[in-house]
C-alpha atoms as a PDB file:
ATOM      1  CA  MET A   1    -149.201  56.218 -17.610  1.00  0.00           C
ATOM      2  CA  ARG A   2    -147.510  55.331 -20.880  1.00  0.00           C
ATOM      3  CA  ARG A   3    -145.846  51.956 -21.088  1.00  0.00           C
ATOM      4  CA  PHE A   4    -142.318  51.715 -22.400  1.00  0.00           C
ATOM      5  CA  LYS A   5    -142.236  49.489 -25.479  1.00  0.00           C
ATOM      6  CA  LEU A   6    -139.074  47.603 -26.242  1.00  0.00           C
ATOM      7  CA  GLY A   7    -139.952  47.609 -29.905  1.00  0.00           C
ATOM      8  CA  ARG A   8    -139.247  51.337 -30.105  1.00  0.00           C
ATOM      9  CA  PHE A   9    -135.525  50.693 -29.753  1.00  0.00           C
ATOM     10  CA  ASN A  10    -133.572  50.923 -32.982  1.00  0.00           C
ATOM     11  CA  ALA A  11    -130.020  49.933 -33.808  1.00  0.00           C
ATOM     12  CA  PHE A  12    -128.683  53.405 -32.941  1.00  0.00           C
ATOM     13  CA  ASP A  13    -130.232  53.267 -29.435  1.00  0.00           C
ATOM     14  CA  VAL A  14    -128.742  49.836 -28.792  1.00  0.00           C
ATOM     15  CA  PHE A  15    -125.341  51.025 -29.993  1.00  0.00           C
ATOM     16  CA  ASN A  16    -125.509  54.086 -27.693  1.00  0.00           C
ATOM     17  CA  VAL A  17    -126.463  52.004 -24.665  1.00  0.00           C
ATOM     18  CA  LEU A  18    -123.670  49.493 -25.260  1.00  0.00           C
ATOM     19  CA  LEU A  19    -121.119  52.222 -25.947  1.00  0.00           C
ATOM     20  CA  PHE A  20    -121.888  54.139 -22.765  1.00  0.00           C
ATOM     21  CA  CYS A  21    -121.965  50.946 -20.696  1.00  0.00           C
ATOM     22  CA  ILE A  22    -118.480  50.121 -21.949  1.00  0.00           C
ATOM     23  CA  LEU A  23    -117.284  53.670 -21.237  1.00  0.00           C
ATOM     24  CA  CYS A  24    -118.782  53.435 -17.744  1.00  0.00           C
ATOM     25  CA  ILE A  25    -116.900  50.215 -17.035  1.00  0.00           C
ATOM     26  CA  VAL A  26    -113.659  51.646 -18.424  1.00  0.00           C
ATOM     27  CA  MET A  27    -113.938  54.733 -16.180  1.00  0.00           C
ATOM     28  CA  ILE A  28    -115.133  52.972 -13.015  1.00  0.00           C
ATOM     29  CA  TYR A  29    -112.812  49.951 -13.037  1.00  0.00           C
ATOM     30  CA  PRO A  30    -109.560  51.866 -12.216  1.00  0.00           C
ATOM     31  CA  PHE A  31    -111.196  53.318  -9.090  1.00  0.00           C
ATOM     32  CA  TRP A  32    -112.644  49.941  -8.152  1.00  0.00           C
ATOM     33  CA  SER A  33    -109.289  48.251  -8.694  1.00  0.00           C
ATOM     34  CA  VAL A  34    -107.504  50.748  -6.424  1.00  0.00           C
ATOM     35  CA  LEU A  35    -110.159  50.228  -3.744  1.00  0.00           C
ATOM     36  CA  MET A  36    -109.882  46.431  -3.894  1.00  0.00           C
ATOM     37  CA  VAL A  37    -106.071  46.418  -3.857  1.00  0.00           C
ATOM     38  CA  SER A  38    -106.154  48.480  -0.655  1.00  0.00           C
ATOM     39  CA  PHE A  39    -108.004  45.616   1.072  1.00  0.00           C
ATOM     40  CA  ILE A  40    -105.982  42.599  -0.060  1.00  0.00           C
ATOM     41  CA  THR A  41    -102.836  40.888   1.229  1.00  0.00           C
ATOM     42  CA  PRO A  42     -99.514  40.894  -0.661  1.00  0.00           C
ATOM     43  CA  PHE A  43     -99.869  37.139  -1.247  1.00  0.00           C
ATOM     44  CA  GLU A  44    -103.233  37.555  -2.976  1.00  0.00           C
ATOM     45  CA  ASN A  45    -101.855  40.420  -5.047  1.00  0.00           C
ATOM     46  CA  ALA A  46     -99.026  38.180  -6.258  1.00  0.00           C
ATOM     47  CA  GLN A  47    -101.395  35.339  -7.160  1.00  0.00           C
ATOM     48  CA  ARG A  48    -104.199  37.303  -8.864  1.00  0.00           C
ATOM     49  CA  ALA A  49    -103.741  39.801 -11.661  1.00  0.00           C
ATOM     50  CA  PHE A  50    -107.430  40.682 -11.972  1.00  0.00           C
ATOM     51  CA  ILE A  51    -109.233  41.424  -8.700  1.00  0.00           C
ATOM     52  CA  LEU A  52    -112.947  42.138  -8.638  1.00  0.00           C
ATOM     53  CA  TRP A  53    -113.366  41.203  -4.980  1.00  0.00           C
ATOM     54  CA  PRO A  54    -110.721  40.238  -2.378  1.00  0.00           C
ATOM     55  CA  GLN A  55    -110.662  36.707  -1.059  1.00  0.00           C
ATOM     56  CA  ASP A  56    -109.534  37.837   2.385  1.00  0.00           C
ATOM     57  CA  ILE A  57    -110.299  41.433   3.364  1.00  0.00           C
ATOM     58  CA  THR A  58    -107.566  43.030   5.465  1.00  0.00           C
ATOM     59  CA  LEU A  59    -106.878  46.534   6.757  1.00  0.00           C
ATOM     60  CA  MET A  60    -103.105  46.070   6.915  1.00  0.00           C
ATOM     61  CA  SER A  61    -102.442  48.773   4.311  1.00  0.00           C
ATOM     62  CA  TYR A  62    -104.621  51.317   6.118  1.00  0.00           C
ATOM     63  CA  GLN A  63    -102.967  50.487   9.430  1.00  0.00           C
ATOM     64  CA  PHE A  64     -99.583  51.079   7.844  1.00  0.00           C
ATOM     65  CA  VAL A  65    -100.685  54.465   6.532  1.00  0.00           C
ATOM     66  CA  PHE A  66    -101.878  55.546   9.984  1.00  0.00           C
ATOM     67  CA  ALA A  67     -98.972  53.911  11.831  1.00  0.00           C
ATOM     68  CA  THR A  68     -97.143  57.240  11.872  1.00  0.00           C
ATOM     69  CA  ASP A  69     -98.426  60.727  12.624  1.00  0.00           C
ATOM     70  CA  ARG A  70     -97.255  62.165   9.291  1.00  0.00           C
ATOM     71  CA  PHE A  71    -100.263  61.111   7.243  1.00  0.00           C
ATOM     72  CA  PRO A  72    -102.892  62.126   9.854  1.00  0.00           C
ATOM     73  CA  ARG A  73    -101.055  65.425  10.406  1.00  0.00           C
ATOM     74  CA  SER A  74    -101.004  66.172   6.688  1.00  0.00           C
ATOM     75  CA  PHE A  75    -104.707  65.313   6.567  1.00  0.00           C
ATOM     76  CA  VAL A  76    -105.475  67.947   9.217  1.00  0.00           C
ATOM     77  CA  ILE A  77    -103.234  70.513   7.492  1.00  0.00           C
ATOM     78  CA  THR A  78    -104.921  69.915   4.130  1.00  0.00           C
ATOM     79  CA  ALA A  79    -108.391  70.200   5.672  1.00  0.00           C
ATOM     80  CA  PHE A  80    -107.416  73.507   7.301  1.00  0.00           C
ATOM     81  CA  VAL A  81    -105.906  74.882   4.080  1.00  0.00           C
ATOM     82  CA  THR A  82    -108.961  73.808   2.080  1.00  0.00           C
ATOM     83  CA  VAL A  83    -111.461  75.440   4.455  1.00  0.00           C
ATOM     84  CA  ALA A  84    -109.408  78.619   4.883  1.00  0.00           C
ATOM     85  CA  SER A  85    -108.727  78.967   1.149  1.00  0.00           C
ATOM     86  CA  THR A  86    -112.410  78.426   0.321  1.00  0.00           C
ATOM     87  CA  PHE A  87    -113.593  81.129   2.742  1.00  0.00           C
ATOM     88  CA  TYR A  88    -110.868  83.516   1.578  1.00  0.00           C
ATOM     89  CA  HIS A  89    -111.731  83.138  -2.106  1.00  0.00           C
ATOM     90  CA  LEU A  90    -115.470  83.339  -1.437  1.00  0.00           C
ATOM     91  CA  PHE A  91    -114.964  86.557   0.514  1.00  0.00           C
ATOM     92  CA  ILE A  92    -112.805  88.152  -2.187  1.00  0.00           C
ATOM     93  CA  THR A  93    -115.011  86.980  -5.048  1.00  0.00           C
ATOM     94  CA  THR A  94    -118.389  87.920  -3.552  1.00  0.00           C
ATOM     95  CA  THR A  95    -117.356  91.354  -2.277  1.00  0.00           C
ATOM     96  CA  CYS A  96    -115.683  92.266  -5.564  1.00  0.00           C
ATOM     97  CA  ALA A  97    -118.584  90.902  -7.627  1.00  0.00           C
ATOM     98  CA  TYR A  98    -121.195  92.785  -5.593  1.00  0.00           C
ATOM     99  CA  ALA A  99    -119.254  96.048  -5.742  1.00  0.00           C
ATOM    100  CA  LEU A 100    -118.827  95.800  -9.509  1.00  0.00           C
ATOM    101  CA  THR A 101    -122.517  95.252 -10.123  1.00  0.00           C
ATOM    102  CA  LYS A 102    -122.766  99.012  -9.478  1.00  0.00           C
ATOM    103  CA  LYS A 103    -121.601 100.942 -12.525  1.00  0.00           C
ATOM    104  CA  THR A 104    -121.497 104.072 -10.395  1.00  0.00           C
ATOM    105  CA  VAL A 105    -118.448 102.789  -8.489  1.00  0.00           C
ATOM    106  CA  PRO A 106    -115.447 105.098  -9.096  1.00  0.00           C
ATOM    107  CA  GLY A 107    -113.026 103.538 -11.570  1.00  0.00           C
ATOM    108  CA  TYR A 108    -115.561 100.909 -12.653  1.00  0.00           C
ATOM    109  CA  ARG A 109    -114.379 100.691 -16.267  1.00  0.00           C
ATOM    110  CA  ILE A 110    -110.693 100.587 -15.341  1.00  0.00           C
ATOM    111  CA  VAL A 111    -111.151  97.834 -12.741  1.00  0.00           C
ATOM    112  CA  MET A 112    -113.277  95.760 -15.112  1.00  0.00           C
ATOM    113  CA  ALA A 113    -110.701  96.149 -17.886  1.00  0.00           C
ATOM    114  CA  LEU A 114    -107.925  95.003 -15.551  1.00  0.00           C
ATOM    115  CA  LEU A 115    -109.966  91.995 -14.442  1.00  0.00           C
ATOM    116  CA  VAL A 116    -110.743  91.002 -18.017  1.00  0.00           C
ATOM    117  CA  ALA A 117    -107.039  91.312 -18.872  1.00  0.00           C
ATOM    118  CA  THR A 118    -106.241  88.565 -16.352  1.00  0.00           C
ATOM    119  CA  MET A 119    -108.065  86.117 -18.625  1.00  0.00           C
ATOM    120  CA  PHE A 120    -105.437  86.640 -21.329  1.00  0.00           C
ATOM    121  CA  PHE A 121    -102.268  87.599 -19.436  1.00  0.00           C
ATOM    122  CA  SER A 122    -100.635  86.076 -16.375  1.00  0.00           C
ATOM    123  CA  GLY A 123     -97.598  87.115 -14.400  1.00  0.00           C
ATOM    124  CA  GLY A 124     -96.365  83.536 -14.333  1.00  0.00           C
ATOM    125  CA  LEU A 125     -94.782  81.349 -11.699  1.00  0.00           C
ATOM    126  CA  ILE A 126     -91.507  83.210 -11.167  1.00  0.00           C
ATOM    127  CA  PRO A 127     -93.090  86.590 -10.231  1.00  0.00           C
ATOM    128  CA  TRP A 128     -95.487  84.767  -7.897  1.00  0.00           C
ATOM    129  CA  TYR A 129     -92.590  82.960  -6.211  1.00  0.00           C
ATOM    130  CA  MET A 130     -90.617  86.201  -5.862  1.00  0.00           C
ATOM    131  CA  LEU A 131     -93.659  87.954  -4.391  1.00  0.00           C
ATOM    132  CA  ILE A 132     -94.208  85.227  -1.803  1.00  0.00           C
ATOM    133  CA  ARG A 133     -90.533  85.275  -0.869  1.00  0.00           C
ATOM    134  CA  SER A 134     -90.424  89.080  -0.581  1.00  0.00           C
ATOM    135  CA  LEU A 135     -93.473  89.004   1.694  1.00  0.00           C
ATOM    136  CA  GLY A 136     -91.772  86.528   4.018  1.00  0.00           C
ATOM    137  CA  MET A 137     -94.361  83.796   3.441  1.00  0.00           C
ATOM    138  CA  MET A 138     -91.918  81.026   2.538  1.00  0.00           C
ATOM    139  CA  ASN A 139     -92.238  77.873   4.671  1.00  0.00           C
ATOM    140  CA  THR A 140     -95.688  78.935   5.887  1.00  0.00           C
ATOM    141  CA  LEU A 141     -99.207  77.903   4.920  1.00  0.00           C
ATOM    142  CA  TRP A 142    -100.138  81.410   3.748  1.00  0.00           C
ATOM    143  CA  PRO A 143     -99.178  80.870   0.064  1.00  0.00           C
ATOM    144  CA  LEU A 144    -101.511  77.863  -0.024  1.00  0.00           C
ATOM    145  CA  ILE A 145    -104.435  79.882   1.353  1.00  0.00           C
ATOM    146  CA  VAL A 146    -104.217  83.277  -0.297  1.00  0.00           C
ATOM    147  CA  GLY A 147    -104.100  83.795  -4.015  1.00  0.00           C
ATOM    148  CA  SER A 148    -105.508  85.713  -6.919  1.00  0.00           C
ATOM    149  CA  MET A 149    -109.228  85.793  -7.599  1.00  0.00           C
ATOM    150  CA  GLY A 150    -110.340  83.672 -10.532  1.00  0.00           C
ATOM    151  CA  PHE A 151    -112.012  85.851 -13.146  1.00  0.00           C
ATOM    152  CA  ILE A 152    -114.395  83.083 -14.223  1.00  0.00           C
ATOM    153  CA  ASN A 153    -115.635  82.677 -10.638  1.00  0.00           C
ATOM    154  CA  PHE A 154    -115.997  86.448 -10.348  1.00  0.00           C
ATOM    155  CA  ALA A 155    -117.942  86.671 -13.610  1.00  0.00           C
ATOM    156  CA  ILE A 156    -120.372  83.912 -12.603  1.00  0.00           C
ATOM    157  CA  VAL A 157    -121.067  85.424  -9.175  1.00  0.00           C
ATOM    158  CA  ARG A 158    -121.426  88.925 -10.616  1.00  0.00           C
ATOM    159  CA  ALA A 159    -123.870  87.735 -13.274  1.00  0.00           C
ATOM    160  CA  PHE A 160    -125.875  85.868 -10.636  1.00  0.00           C
ATOM    161  CA  ILE A 161    -126.151  88.963  -8.429  1.00  0.00           C
ATOM    162  CA  ARG A 162    -127.101  91.170 -11.387  1.00  0.00           C
ATOM    163  CA  GLN A 163    -130.092  88.991 -12.263  1.00  0.00           C
ATOM    164  CA  MET A 164    -131.660  89.672  -8.844  1.00  0.00           C
ATOM    165  CA  PRO A 165    -134.636  92.075  -9.001  1.00  0.00           C
ATOM    166  CA  GLU A 166    -133.580  95.672  -8.400  1.00  0.00           C
ATOM    167  CA  GLY A 167    -136.678  96.200  -6.287  1.00  0.00           C
ATOM    168  CA  LEU A 168    -135.200  94.066  -3.513  1.00  0.00           C
ATOM    169  CA  GLU A 169    -132.314  96.455  -2.918  1.00  0.00           C
ATOM    170  CA  GLU A 170    -134.543  99.502  -3.326  1.00  0.00           C
ATOM    171  CA  SER A 171    -136.964  98.231  -0.686  1.00  0.00           C
ATOM    172  CA  ALA A 172    -134.042  97.497   1.632  1.00  0.00           C
ATOM    173  CA  PHE A 173    -132.734 101.055   1.155  1.00  0.00           C
ATOM    174  CA  ILE A 174    -136.178 102.417   1.997  1.00  0.00           C
ATOM    175  CA  ASP A 175    -136.116 100.366   5.222  1.00  0.00           C
ATOM    176  CA  GLY A 176    -132.835 102.026   6.160  1.00  0.00           C
ATOM    177  CA  ALA A 177    -130.346  99.286   5.257  1.00  0.00           C
ATOM    178  CA  ASN A 178    -126.909 100.287   3.970  1.00  0.00           C
ATOM    179  CA  GLU A 179    -124.790  98.477   1.360  1.00  0.00           C
ATOM    180  CA  VAL A 180    -123.095  96.226   3.918  1.00  0.00           C
ATOM    181  CA  ARG A 181    -126.398  95.172   5.465  1.00  0.00           C
ATOM    182  CA  ILE A 182    -127.922  94.507   2.049  1.00  0.00           C
ATOM    183  CA  PHE A 183    -124.917  92.423   1.036  1.00  0.00           C
ATOM    184  CA  ILE A 184    -124.925  90.300   4.208  1.00  0.00           C
ATOM    185  CA  SER A 185    -128.660  89.964   4.813  1.00  0.00           C
ATOM    186  CA  LEU A 186    -130.026  89.975   1.260  1.00  0.00           C
ATOM    187  CA  VAL A 187    -127.448  89.198  -1.419  1.00  0.00           C
ATOM    188  CA  LEU A 188    -125.533  86.371   0.274  1.00  0.00           C
ATOM    189  CA  PRO A 189    -128.597  84.328   1.333  1.00  0.00           C
ATOM    190  CA  LEU A 190    -130.055  84.559  -2.169  1.00  0.00           C
ATOM    191  CA  SER A 191    -126.706  83.583  -3.711  1.00  0.00           C
ATOM    192  CA  LYS A 192    -126.395  80.194  -1.985  1.00  0.00           C
ATOM    193  CA  PRO A 193    -126.634  78.151  -5.228  1.00  0.00           C
ATOM    194  CA  VAL A 194    -123.813  79.944  -7.019  1.00  0.00           C
ATOM    195  CA  LEU A 195    -121.723  80.220  -3.839  1.00  0.00           C
ATOM    196  CA  ALA A 196    -122.005  76.457  -3.355  1.00  0.00           C
ATOM    197  CA  VAL A 197    -120.702  75.913  -6.886  1.00  0.00           C
ATOM    198  CA  ILE A 198    -117.763  78.294  -6.433  1.00  0.00           C
ATOM    199  CA  ALA A 199    -116.998  76.865  -2.994  1.00  0.00           C
ATOM    200  CA  LEU A 200    -116.806  73.345  -4.381  1.00  0.00           C
ATOM    201  CA  TRP A 201    -114.585  74.416  -7.270  1.00  0.00           C
ATOM    202  CA  VAL A 202    -112.180  76.200  -4.936  1.00  0.00           C
ATOM    203  CA  ALA A 203    -112.259  73.424  -2.317  1.00  0.00           C
ATOM    204  CA  VAL A 204    -111.488  70.697  -4.849  1.00  0.00           C
ATOM    205  CA  GLY A 205    -108.612  72.747  -6.260  1.00  0.00           C
ATOM    206  CA  ALA A 206    -107.193  73.444  -2.797  1.00  0.00           C
ATOM    207  CA  TRP A 207    -107.577  69.827  -1.689  1.00  0.00           C
ATOM    208  CA  ASN A 208    -105.845  68.417  -4.782  1.00  0.00           C
ATOM    209  CA  ALA A 209    -103.032  70.983  -4.968  1.00  0.00           C
ATOM    210  CA  PHE A 210     -99.521  69.725  -4.258  1.00  0.00           C
ATOM    211  CA  PHE A 211     -97.256  71.944  -6.355  1.00  0.00           C
ATOM    212  CA  GLY A 212     -97.668  74.964  -4.070  1.00  0.00           C
ATOM    213  CA  ALA A 213     -96.663  72.951  -1.016  1.00  0.00           C
ATOM    214  CA  MET A 214     -93.680  71.502  -2.870  1.00  0.00           C
ATOM    215  CA  LEU A 215     -92.606  74.985  -4.002  1.00  0.00           C
ATOM    216  CA  PHE A 216     -93.201  77.072  -0.883  1.00  0.00           C
ATOM    217  CA  LEU A 217     -92.466  74.537   1.895  1.00  0.00           C
ATOM    218  CA  PRO A 218     -88.977  73.293   0.963  1.00  0.00           C
ATOM    219  CA  THR A 219     -87.693  73.016   4.544  1.00  0.00           C
ATOM    220  CA  ARG A 220     -90.948  72.296   6.395  1.00  0.00           C
ATOM    221  CA  PRO A 221     -91.895  68.621   5.846  1.00  0.00           C
ATOM    222  CA  ASP A 222     -94.075  68.883   8.962  1.00  0.00           C
ATOM    223  CA  LEU A 223     -96.371  71.224   6.985  1.00  0.00           C
ATOM    224  CA  HIS A 224     -96.616  69.087   3.857  1.00  0.00           C
ATOM    225  CA  THR A 225    -100.143  68.662   2.571  1.00  0.00           C
ATOM    226  CA  LEU A 226    -101.870  65.365   1.954  1.00  0.00           C
ATOM    227  CA  GLN A 227    -101.409  65.469  -1.799  1.00  0.00           C
ATOM    228  CA  LEU A 228     -97.687  66.112  -1.491  1.00  0.00           C
ATOM    229  CA  VAL A 229     -97.278  63.175   0.906  1.00  0.00           C
ATOM    230  CA  LEU A 230     -99.324  61.039  -1.480  1.00  0.00           C
ATOM    231  CA  ARG A 231     -97.171  62.123  -4.422  1.00  0.00           C
ATOM    232  CA  GLN A 232     -94.008  61.179  -2.520  1.00  0.00           C
ATOM    233  CA  LEU A 233     -95.581  57.855  -1.624  1.00  0.00           C
ATOM    234  CA  VAL A 234     -96.743  57.014  -5.155  1.00  0.00           C
ATOM    235  CA  VAL A 235     -94.022  58.405  -7.434  1.00  0.00           C
ATOM    236  CA  GLY A 236     -91.330  59.933  -5.259  1.00  0.00           C
ATOM    237  CA  GLU A 237     -90.380  57.067  -3.028  1.00  0.00           C
ATOM    238  CA  GLN A 238     -89.604  53.441  -3.708  1.00  0.00           C
ATOM    239  CA  GLY A 239     -90.171  50.636  -1.296  1.00  0.00           C
ATOM    240  CA  GLY A 240     -93.658  51.275  -0.037  1.00  0.00           C
ATOM    241  CA  GLY A 241     -93.629  53.467   3.004  1.00  0.00           C
ATOM    242  CA  GLY A 242     -90.582  55.616   2.417  1.00  0.00           C
ATOM    243  CA  ALA A 243     -92.653  58.778   2.210  1.00  0.00           C
ATOM    244  CA  LEU A 244     -94.265  58.002   5.562  1.00  0.00           C
ATOM    245  CA  GLY A 245     -90.954  57.505   7.300  1.00  0.00           C
ATOM    246  CA  ALA A 246     -89.213  54.701   9.196  1.00  0.00           C
ATOM    247  CA  ALA A 247     -91.604  55.101  12.137  1.00  0.00           C
ATOM    248  CA  ALA A 248     -94.458  53.729  10.039  1.00  0.00           C
ATOM    249  CA  GLU A 249     -92.471  50.625   9.121  1.00  0.00           C
ATOM    250  CA  ILE A 250     -91.425  50.043  12.746  1.00  0.00           C
ATOM    251  CA  ALA A 251     -95.001  50.365  14.018  1.00  0.00           C
ATOM    252  CA  TYR A 252     -96.206  48.139  11.178  1.00  0.00           C
ATOM    253  CA  ARG A 253     -93.757  45.344  12.007  1.00  0.00           C
ATOM    254  CA  GLN A 254     -94.539  45.619  15.714  1.00  0.00           C
ATOM    255  CA  ARG A 255     -98.198  45.095  14.867  1.00  0.00           C
ATOM    256  CA  PHE A 256     -97.840  42.276  12.330  1.00  0.00           C
ATOM    257  CA  GLY A 257     -94.444  40.812  13.221  1.00  0.00           C
ATOM    258  CA  GLN A 258     -90.887  41.434  12.103  1.00  0.00           C
ATOM    259  CA  ASP A 259     -91.326  39.170   9.096  1.00  0.00           C
ATOM    260  CA  ALA A 260     -94.441  40.971   7.859  1.00  0.00           C
ATOM    261  CA  ALA A 261     -94.137  41.873   4.204  1.00  0.00           C
ATOM    262  CA  ILE A 262     -94.384  45.510   3.229  1.00  0.00           C
ATOM    263  CA  PHE A 263     -97.020  45.817   0.501  1.00  0.00           C
ATOM    264  CA  PRO A 264     -96.230  48.958  -1.547  1.00  0.00           C
ATOM    265  CA  GLU A 265     -99.180  48.627  -3.942  1.00  0.00           C
ATOM    266  CA  GLY A 266    -101.656  48.180  -1.104  1.00  0.00           C
ATOM    267  CA  ILE A 267    -100.199  51.093   0.866  1.00  0.00           C
ATOM    268  CA  ARG A 268    -100.398  53.416  -2.142  1.00  0.00           C
ATOM    269  CA  SER A 269    -103.936  52.300  -2.921  1.00  0.00           C
ATOM    270  CA  ALA A 270    -105.027  52.856   0.696  1.00  0.00           C
ATOM    271  CA  ALA A 271    -103.498  56.341   0.662  1.00  0.00           C
ATOM    272  CA  ILE A 272    -105.287  57.178  -2.605  1.00  0.00           C
ATOM    273  CA  VAL A 273    -108.620  55.998  -1.196  1.00  0.00           C
ATOM    274  CA  ILE A 274    -108.165  58.081   1.966  1.00  0.00           C
ATOM    275  CA  VAL A 275    -107.242  61.191  -0.024  1.00  0.00           C
ATOM    276  CA  THR A 276    -110.137  60.994  -2.497  1.00  0.00           C
ATOM    277  CA  THR A 277    -112.909  59.955  -0.072  1.00  0.00           C
ATOM    278  CA  PRO A 278    -113.588  63.405   1.531  1.00  0.00           C
ATOM    279  CA  MET A 279    -114.311  65.089  -1.807  1.00  0.00           C
ATOM    280  CA  LEU A 280    -116.495  62.160  -2.883  1.00  0.00           C
ATOM    281  CA  LEU A 281    -118.524  62.559   0.307  1.00  0.00           C
ATOM    282  CA  VAL A 282    -118.914  66.330  -0.016  1.00  0.00           C
ATOM    283  CA  PHE A 283    -119.845  66.442  -3.704  1.00  0.00           C
ATOM    284  CA  PRO A 284    -123.361  64.851  -3.467  1.00  0.00           C
ATOM    285  CA  PHE A 285    -124.491  67.468  -0.941  1.00  0.00           C
ATOM    286  CA  LEU A 286    -123.583  70.343  -3.262  1.00  0.00           C
ATOM    287  CA  GLN A 287    -124.476  68.721  -6.565  1.00  0.00           C
ATOM    288  CA  LYS A 288    -128.070  69.995  -6.463  1.00  0.00           C
ATOM    289  CA  TYR A 289    -126.769  73.580  -6.660  1.00  0.00           C
ATOM    290  CA  PHE A 290    -124.654  73.010  -9.777  1.00  0.00           C
ATOM    291  CA  VAL A 291    -127.209  73.339 -12.557  1.00  0.00           C
ATOM    292  CA  LYS A 292    -129.134  76.133 -10.850  1.00  0.00           C
ATOM    293  CA  GLY A 293    -126.025  78.096  -9.885  1.00  0.00           C
ATOM    294  CA  ILE A 294    -124.295  77.934 -13.261  1.00  0.00           C
ATOM    295  CA  TYR A 295    -127.492  78.424 -15.279  1.00  0.00           C
ATOM    296  CA  LEU A 296    -128.661  81.487 -13.379  1.00  0.00           C
ATOM    297  CA  GLY A 297    -125.135  82.833 -13.230  1.00  0.00           C
ATOM    298  CA  SER A 298    -124.869  82.787 -17.005  1.00  0.00           C
ATOM    299  CA  MET A 299    -128.231  84.343 -17.841  1.00  0.00           C
ATOM    300  CA  LYS A 300    -127.166  87.965 -17.430  1.00  0.00           C
ATOM    301  CA  GLY A 301    -123.631  89.178 -18.050  1.00  0.00           C
END
């Protein structure tokens, strides 16, 4: 085994290492700061401007967030929308991509031309809003679940399926399998890497979306998603827990006393930590599929 010699470092290597260490600290510290502020008391926050580790760890901010049912309810709604939207987009993308790997499909050139056109032209927000309203989907979760198929996702999945050996489908046809059976039993299992990549892209987008809920749920605050509640808490409301309602403040003061200080910064930080944690936990399990899925999906167009 070769030994690593320190003498092989030159000035450029040292500069690169120092530069990327500084960039790492600059990118990580904001997340670390938010995490630490969520665990401190308002008195410590007033005394210390730079917090690397709290002197007294407390869960007061998290208890305030969960003191009312609005935040947990929005958490469940967002999880449902994310799962449903992911399955919907995977179904639309995979079925369309598999069908359009066959150039013998009637209208193949026309459909492909229309799909490519969506990369350059978009109907815009107003037609989408009018369509949702005409379909009677206002103040429901349907606009947050359904949507148009992303052409980039379609192109990656289609390219991945096309690089599969043609002999696999031919042998399945000889064994008596039809197109549906081949798609379910052969194509989908072999497409797990690229499907994991697309699923994560769609899930992250659905989890972080707030504009759709703000636009299509104007009179249904009980259906507000987690990101919309977080937005109201961080930028839309002043005074800490306004976005969570008076019930949260009442339950908070009953728990910690009527003189307990509301800690807006800690409450916002706790809400941010709760919102971002699920995606941070899911990402490592799907990360191994990223390079393989994107690389194989781009080999054959």
